[in-house]
Amino acid sequence: MLDSIDVKILALLQSDCTLPVAEIANRVGLSSTPCWRRIQKLEEEGYIKARVALLNAEKLNAEVAVFIAVRTSQHNADWLGRFQDAVASMPEVVDFFRLSGDIDYLIRVALPNIKAYDEFYKRLIKLIDLSDVSSMFAMEEIKSTTELPLGFVTMKGR
C-alpha cells in the first residue's frame, strides 16, 4: 500500500521521469537516498512499469490517428490468440483493447496518411479473418495524456 509521499513521487515521475532524484526528494520532503529507495521499491512492486520518452508524432511522420472498431462472431481461444498475435506484431498499433458492449475490440494506430492506413488494413486482413471493421480518423487531438489520475489511490492511514 502506498503513502502520500509515494503518491507524490509517482505524480512527479509521470509528469517528468527525467527529474533528478535530488529534485524529487526535495519536492516530497525527503533526502536523496530514501527517495531513491522508494523509487526502486515502486519499480520492484510494479507501480512504475517503465520510464519512457514521449515522442512527437508529427515530427516523426505518424500524426494520423486511426481508431479501428472490430466486431466479431469469433469468440474462441484459437481465433483470439491469432488475432492478438497479428495485431501485436504490427508496429503501427499503439493501443489495443478488448471491450464490453457493441464493439469487441478497439485498435488505435499511428500512421503518416490514409494510404498507409489502407496498406495496414490489407496486411491485417491477410493475417486474420475479420467480419465487421469500422475505422475512424481523428480530426483533432483535444486531450491525450499518459498521466494516470492518482486521486483513487488507497493510501496507508486512510
C-alpha atoms as a PDB file:
ATOM      1  CA  MET A   1       0.000   0.000   0.000  1.00  0.00           C
ATOM      2  CA  LEU A   2       1.232   3.483  -0.817  1.00  0.00           C
ATOM      3  CA  ASP A   3       1.556   6.517   1.403  1.00  0.00           C
ATOM      4  CA  SER A   4       1.195  10.176   0.441  1.00  0.00           C
ATOM      5  CA  ILE A   5       4.930  10.536  -0.305  1.00  0.00           C
ATOM      6  CA  ASP A   6       4.810   7.562  -2.696  1.00  0.00           C
ATOM      7  CA  VAL A   7       1.859   9.148  -4.499  1.00  0.00           C
ATOM      8  CA  LYS A   8       3.727  12.472  -4.772  1.00  0.00           C
ATOM      9  CA  ILE A   9       6.754  10.653  -6.199  1.00  0.00           C
ATOM     10  CA  LEU A  10       4.559   8.879  -8.751  1.00  0.00           C
ATOM     11  CA  ALA A  11       2.916  12.160  -9.753  1.00  0.00           C
ATOM     12  CA  LEU A  12       6.299  13.803 -10.302  1.00  0.00           C
ATOM     13  CA  LEU A  13       7.713  10.869 -12.264  1.00  0.00           C
ATOM     14  CA  GLN A  14       4.725  10.508 -14.558  1.00  0.00           C
ATOM     15  CA  SER A  15       4.911  14.219 -15.283  1.00  0.00           C
ATOM     16  CA  ASP A  16       8.670  14.170 -15.942  1.00  0.00           C
ATOM     17  CA  CYS A  17      10.672  10.986 -15.437  1.00  0.00           C
ATOM     18  CA  THR A  18      13.920  12.843 -16.160  1.00  0.00           C
ATOM     19  CA  LEU A  19      13.789  14.735 -12.868  1.00  0.00           C
ATOM     20  CA  PRO A  20      16.917  14.023 -10.829  1.00  0.00           C
ATOM     21  CA  VAL A  21      16.332  12.036  -7.642  1.00  0.00           C
ATOM     22  CA  ALA A  22      17.624  15.008  -5.630  1.00  0.00           C
ATOM     23  CA  GLU A  23      14.913  17.248  -7.137  1.00  0.00           C
ATOM     24  CA  ILE A  24      12.181  14.678  -6.490  1.00  0.00           C
ATOM     25  CA  ALA A  25      13.433  14.224  -2.937  1.00  0.00           C
ATOM     26  CA  ASN A  26      13.409  17.975  -2.353  1.00  0.00           C
ATOM     27  CA  ARG A  27       9.847  18.307  -3.668  1.00  0.00           C
ATOM     28  CA  VAL A  28       8.486  15.489  -1.481  1.00  0.00           C
ATOM     29  CA  GLY A  29      10.460  16.389   1.652  1.00  0.00           C
ATOM     30  CA  LEU A  30      12.982  13.530   1.748  1.00  0.00           C
ATOM     31  CA  SER A  31      16.722  13.229   1.368  1.00  0.00           C
ATOM     32  CA  SER A  32      18.032  11.643  -1.821  1.00  0.00           C
ATOM     33  CA  THR A  33      18.827   8.132  -0.561  1.00  0.00           C
ATOM     34  CA  PRO A  34      15.414   7.359   0.994  1.00  0.00           C
ATOM     35  CA  CYS A  35      13.739   8.851  -2.080  1.00  0.00           C
ATOM     36  CA  TRP A  36      15.844   6.688  -4.394  1.00  0.00           C
ATOM     37  CA  ARG A  37      14.943   3.613  -2.292  1.00  0.00           C
ATOM     38  CA  ARG A  38      11.240   4.448  -2.585  1.00  0.00           C
ATOM     39  CA  ILE A  39      11.520   4.804  -6.362  1.00  0.00           C
ATOM     40  CA  GLN A  40      13.300   1.442  -6.554  1.00  0.00           C
ATOM     41  CA  LYS A  41      10.566  -0.156  -4.432  1.00  0.00           C
ATOM     42  CA  LEU A  42       7.819   1.392  -6.596  1.00  0.00           C
ATOM     43  CA  GLU A  43       9.522  -0.142  -9.646  1.00  0.00           C
ATOM     44  CA  GLU A  44      10.002  -3.543  -7.995  1.00  0.00           C
ATOM     45  CA  GLU A  45       6.356  -3.652  -6.886  1.00  0.00           C
ATOM     46  CA  GLY A  46       5.164  -2.783 -10.397  1.00  0.00           C
ATOM     47  CA  TYR A  47       3.725   0.682  -9.729  1.00  0.00           C
ATOM     48  CA  ILE A  48       6.230   2.033 -12.256  1.00  0.00           C
ATOM     49  CA  LYS A  49       6.082  -0.087 -15.414  1.00  0.00           C
ATOM     50  CA  ALA A  50       8.629   1.859 -17.462  1.00  0.00           C
ATOM     51  CA  ARG A  51      10.292   5.218 -17.843  1.00  0.00           C
ATOM     52  CA  VAL A  52       9.938   6.432 -21.416  1.00  0.00           C
ATOM     53  CA  ALA A  53      10.236   9.432 -23.693  1.00  0.00           C
ATOM     54  CA  LEU A  54       7.042  10.659 -25.353  1.00  0.00           C
ATOM     55  CA  LEU A  55       7.805  11.386 -28.977  1.00  0.00           C
ATOM     56  CA  ASN A  56       6.329  13.989 -31.323  1.00  0.00           C
ATOM     57  CA  ALA A  57       4.125  12.079 -33.815  1.00  0.00           C
ATOM     58  CA  GLU A  58       4.031  14.956 -36.291  1.00  0.00           C
ATOM     59  CA  LYS A  59       7.815  15.286 -36.464  1.00  0.00           C
ATOM     60  CA  LEU A  60       8.092  11.513 -36.907  1.00  0.00           C
ATOM     61  CA  ASN A  61       5.505  11.362 -39.716  1.00  0.00           C
ATOM     62  CA  ALA A  62       2.992   9.356 -37.681  1.00  0.00           C
ATOM     63  CA  GLU A  63       0.423  12.076 -36.991  1.00  0.00           C
ATOM     64  CA  VAL A  64      -2.679  10.339 -38.399  1.00  0.00           C
ATOM     65  CA  ALA A  65      -4.512   8.570 -35.579  1.00  0.00           C
ATOM     66  CA  VAL A  66      -6.947   5.894 -36.710  1.00  0.00           C
ATOM     67  CA  PHE A  67      -9.342   4.138 -34.354  1.00  0.00           C
ATOM     68  CA  ILE A  68     -10.406   0.751 -35.670  1.00  0.00           C
ATOM     69  CA  ALA A  69     -13.522  -0.828 -34.166  1.00  0.00           C
ATOM     70  CA  VAL A  70     -13.800  -4.574 -34.675  1.00  0.00           C
ATOM     71  CA  ARG A  71     -16.883  -6.694 -34.135  1.00  0.00           C
ATOM     72  CA  THR A  72     -16.550 -10.434 -34.447  1.00  0.00           C
ATOM     73  CA  SER A  73     -18.607 -13.582 -34.227  1.00  0.00           C
ATOM     74  CA  GLN A  74     -15.403 -15.463 -33.407  1.00  0.00           C
ATOM     75  CA  HIS A  75     -15.329 -15.936 -29.657  1.00  0.00           C
ATOM     76  CA  ASN A  76     -12.918 -18.824 -29.270  1.00  0.00           C
ATOM     77  CA  ALA A  77      -9.430 -19.031 -27.810  1.00  0.00           C
ATOM     78  CA  ASP A  78      -7.745 -20.067 -31.077  1.00  0.00           C
ATOM     79  CA  TRP A  79      -9.055 -17.087 -33.065  1.00  0.00           C
ATOM     80  CA  LEU A  80      -8.395 -14.698 -30.176  1.00  0.00           C
ATOM     81  CA  GLY A  81      -4.787 -15.871 -29.882  1.00  0.00           C
ATOM     82  CA  ARG A  82      -4.197 -15.451 -33.623  1.00  0.00           C
ATOM     83  CA  PHE A  83      -5.873 -12.026 -33.578  1.00  0.00           C
ATOM     84  CA  GLN A  84      -3.853 -10.822 -30.595  1.00  0.00           C
ATOM     85  CA  ASP A  85      -0.600 -12.072 -32.143  1.00  0.00           C
ATOM     86  CA  ALA A  86      -1.412 -10.449 -35.505  1.00  0.00           C
ATOM     87  CA  VAL A  87      -2.261  -7.062 -34.012  1.00  0.00           C
ATOM     88  CA  ALA A  88       0.634  -7.119 -31.535  1.00  0.00           C
ATOM     89  CA  SER A  89       3.089  -7.820 -34.377  1.00  0.00           C
ATOM     90  CA  MET A  90       2.202  -4.599 -36.187  1.00  0.00           C
ATOM     91  CA  PRO A  91       4.357  -1.656 -35.048  1.00  0.00           C
ATOM     92  CA  GLU A  92       1.755   0.935 -36.118  1.00  0.00           C
ATOM     93  CA  VAL A  93      -0.562  -0.280 -33.343  1.00  0.00           C
ATOM     94  CA  VAL A  94      -0.190   1.928 -30.284  1.00  0.00           C
ATOM     95  CA  ASP A  95      -3.279   0.758 -28.324  1.00  0.00           C
ATOM     96  CA  PHE A  96      -5.313  -2.455 -28.465  1.00  0.00           C
ATOM     97  CA  PHE A  97      -8.285  -3.170 -26.204  1.00  0.00           C
ATOM     98  CA  ARG A  98     -10.920  -5.882 -25.786  1.00  0.00           C
ATOM     99  CA  LEU A  99     -14.193  -4.163 -24.911  1.00  0.00           C
ATOM    100  CA  SER A 100     -17.609  -4.847 -23.500  1.00  0.00           C
ATOM    101  CA  GLY A 101     -20.672  -3.684 -25.422  1.00  0.00           C
ATOM    102  CA  ASP A 102     -21.329  -3.495 -29.156  1.00  0.00           C
ATOM    103  CA  ILE A 103     -17.677  -3.297 -30.195  1.00  0.00           C
ATOM    104  CA  ASP A 104     -15.466  -6.285 -29.364  1.00  0.00           C
ATOM    105  CA  TYR A 105     -12.034  -4.706 -29.949  1.00  0.00           C
ATOM    106  CA  LEU A 106     -10.654  -1.212 -30.397  1.00  0.00           C
ATOM    107  CA  ILE A 107      -7.284  -0.632 -32.037  1.00  0.00           C
ATOM    108  CA  ARG A 108      -5.510   2.717 -32.324  1.00  0.00           C
ATOM    109  CA  VAL A 109      -2.816   3.060 -34.938  1.00  0.00           C
ATOM    110  CA  ALA A 110      -0.405   5.914 -35.715  1.00  0.00           C
ATOM    111  CA  LEU A 111       0.302   6.405 -39.409  1.00  0.00           C
ATOM    112  CA  PRO A 112       1.550   9.075 -41.837  1.00  0.00           C
ATOM    113  CA  ASN A 113      -1.504   9.145 -44.134  1.00  0.00           C
ATOM    114  CA  ILE A 114      -4.625   7.369 -45.413  1.00  0.00           C
ATOM    115  CA  LYS A 115      -2.647   5.365 -47.972  1.00  0.00           C
ATOM    116  CA  ALA A 116      -0.567   3.945 -45.127  1.00  0.00           C
ATOM    117  CA  TYR A 117      -3.791   3.015 -43.357  1.00  0.00           C
ATOM    118  CA  ASP A 118      -5.003   1.151 -46.457  1.00  0.00           C
ATOM    119  CA  GLU A 119      -1.707  -0.782 -46.553  1.00  0.00           C
ATOM    120  CA  PHE A 120      -2.003  -1.504 -42.823  1.00  0.00           C
ATOM    121  CA  TYR A 121      -5.584  -2.751 -43.266  1.00  0.00           C
ATOM    122  CA  LYS A 122      -4.602  -5.070 -46.139  1.00  0.00           C
ATOM    123  CA  ARG A 123      -1.765  -6.557 -44.049  1.00  0.00           C
ATOM    124  CA  LEU A 124      -4.118  -7.041 -41.100  1.00  0.00           C
ATOM    125  CA  ILE A 125      -6.795  -8.886 -43.072  1.00  0.00           C
ATOM    126  CA  LYS A 126      -4.124 -11.162 -44.594  1.00  0.00           C
ATOM    127  CA  LEU A 127      -3.165 -12.195 -41.066  1.00  0.00           C
ATOM    128  CA  ILE A 128      -6.646 -12.747 -39.617  1.00  0.00           C
ATOM    129  CA  ASP A 129     -10.261 -13.075 -40.782  1.00  0.00           C
ATOM    130  CA  LEU A 130     -12.308 -10.068 -39.697  1.00  0.00           C
ATOM    131  CA  SER A 131     -16.045  -9.726 -40.293  1.00  0.00           C
ATOM    132  CA  ASP A 132     -17.004  -6.183 -39.255  1.00  0.00           C
ATOM    133  CA  VAL A 133     -14.405  -3.428 -39.216  1.00  0.00           C
ATOM    134  CA  SER A 134     -15.098   0.289 -38.889  1.00  0.00           C
ATOM    135  CA  SER A 135     -12.338   2.897 -39.000  1.00  0.00           C
ATOM    136  CA  MET A 136     -12.472   6.428 -37.648  1.00  0.00           C
ATOM    137  CA  PHE A 137      -9.822   9.036 -38.371  1.00  0.00           C
ATOM    138  CA  ALA A 138      -9.078  11.573 -35.645  1.00  0.00           C
ATOM    139  CA  MET A 139      -9.589  15.089 -36.969  1.00  0.00           C
ATOM    140  CA  GLU A 140      -8.112  16.850 -33.940  1.00  0.00           C
ATOM    141  CA  GLU A 141      -6.369  15.726 -30.768  1.00  0.00           C
ATOM    142  CA  ILE A 142      -8.055  17.600 -27.947  1.00  0.00           C
ATOM    143  CA  LYS A 143      -6.545  15.773 -24.997  1.00  0.00           C
ATOM    144  CA  SER A 144      -4.044  12.957 -24.862  1.00  0.00           C
ATOM    145  CA  THR A 145      -2.075  12.083 -21.776  1.00  0.00           C
ATOM    146  CA  THR A 146      -0.151   9.217 -20.303  1.00  0.00           C
ATOM    147  CA  GLU A 147      -0.642  10.548 -16.766  1.00  0.00           C
ATOM    148  CA  LEU A 148      -2.978   8.403 -14.689  1.00  0.00           C
ATOM    149  CA  PRO A 149      -5.251  10.048 -12.109  1.00  0.00           C
ATOM    150  CA  LEU A 150      -3.838   9.381  -8.648  1.00  0.00           C
ATOM    151  CA  GLY A 151      -6.862  10.561  -6.637  1.00  0.00           C
ATOM    152  CA  PHE A 152      -8.200   6.999  -6.450  1.00  0.00           C
ATOM    153  CA  VAL A 153      -5.123   5.519  -4.752  1.00  0.00           C
ATOM    154  CA  THR A 154      -5.834   3.907  -1.402  1.00  0.00           C
ATOM    155  CA  MET A 155      -3.130   5.062   0.963  1.00  0.00           C
ATOM    156  CA  LYS A 156      -1.817   3.874   4.313  1.00  0.00           C
ATOM    157  CA  GLY A 157      -3.621   5.524   7.172  1.00  0.00           C
ATOM    158  CA  ARG A 158      -6.838   6.171   5.255  1.00  0.00           C
END
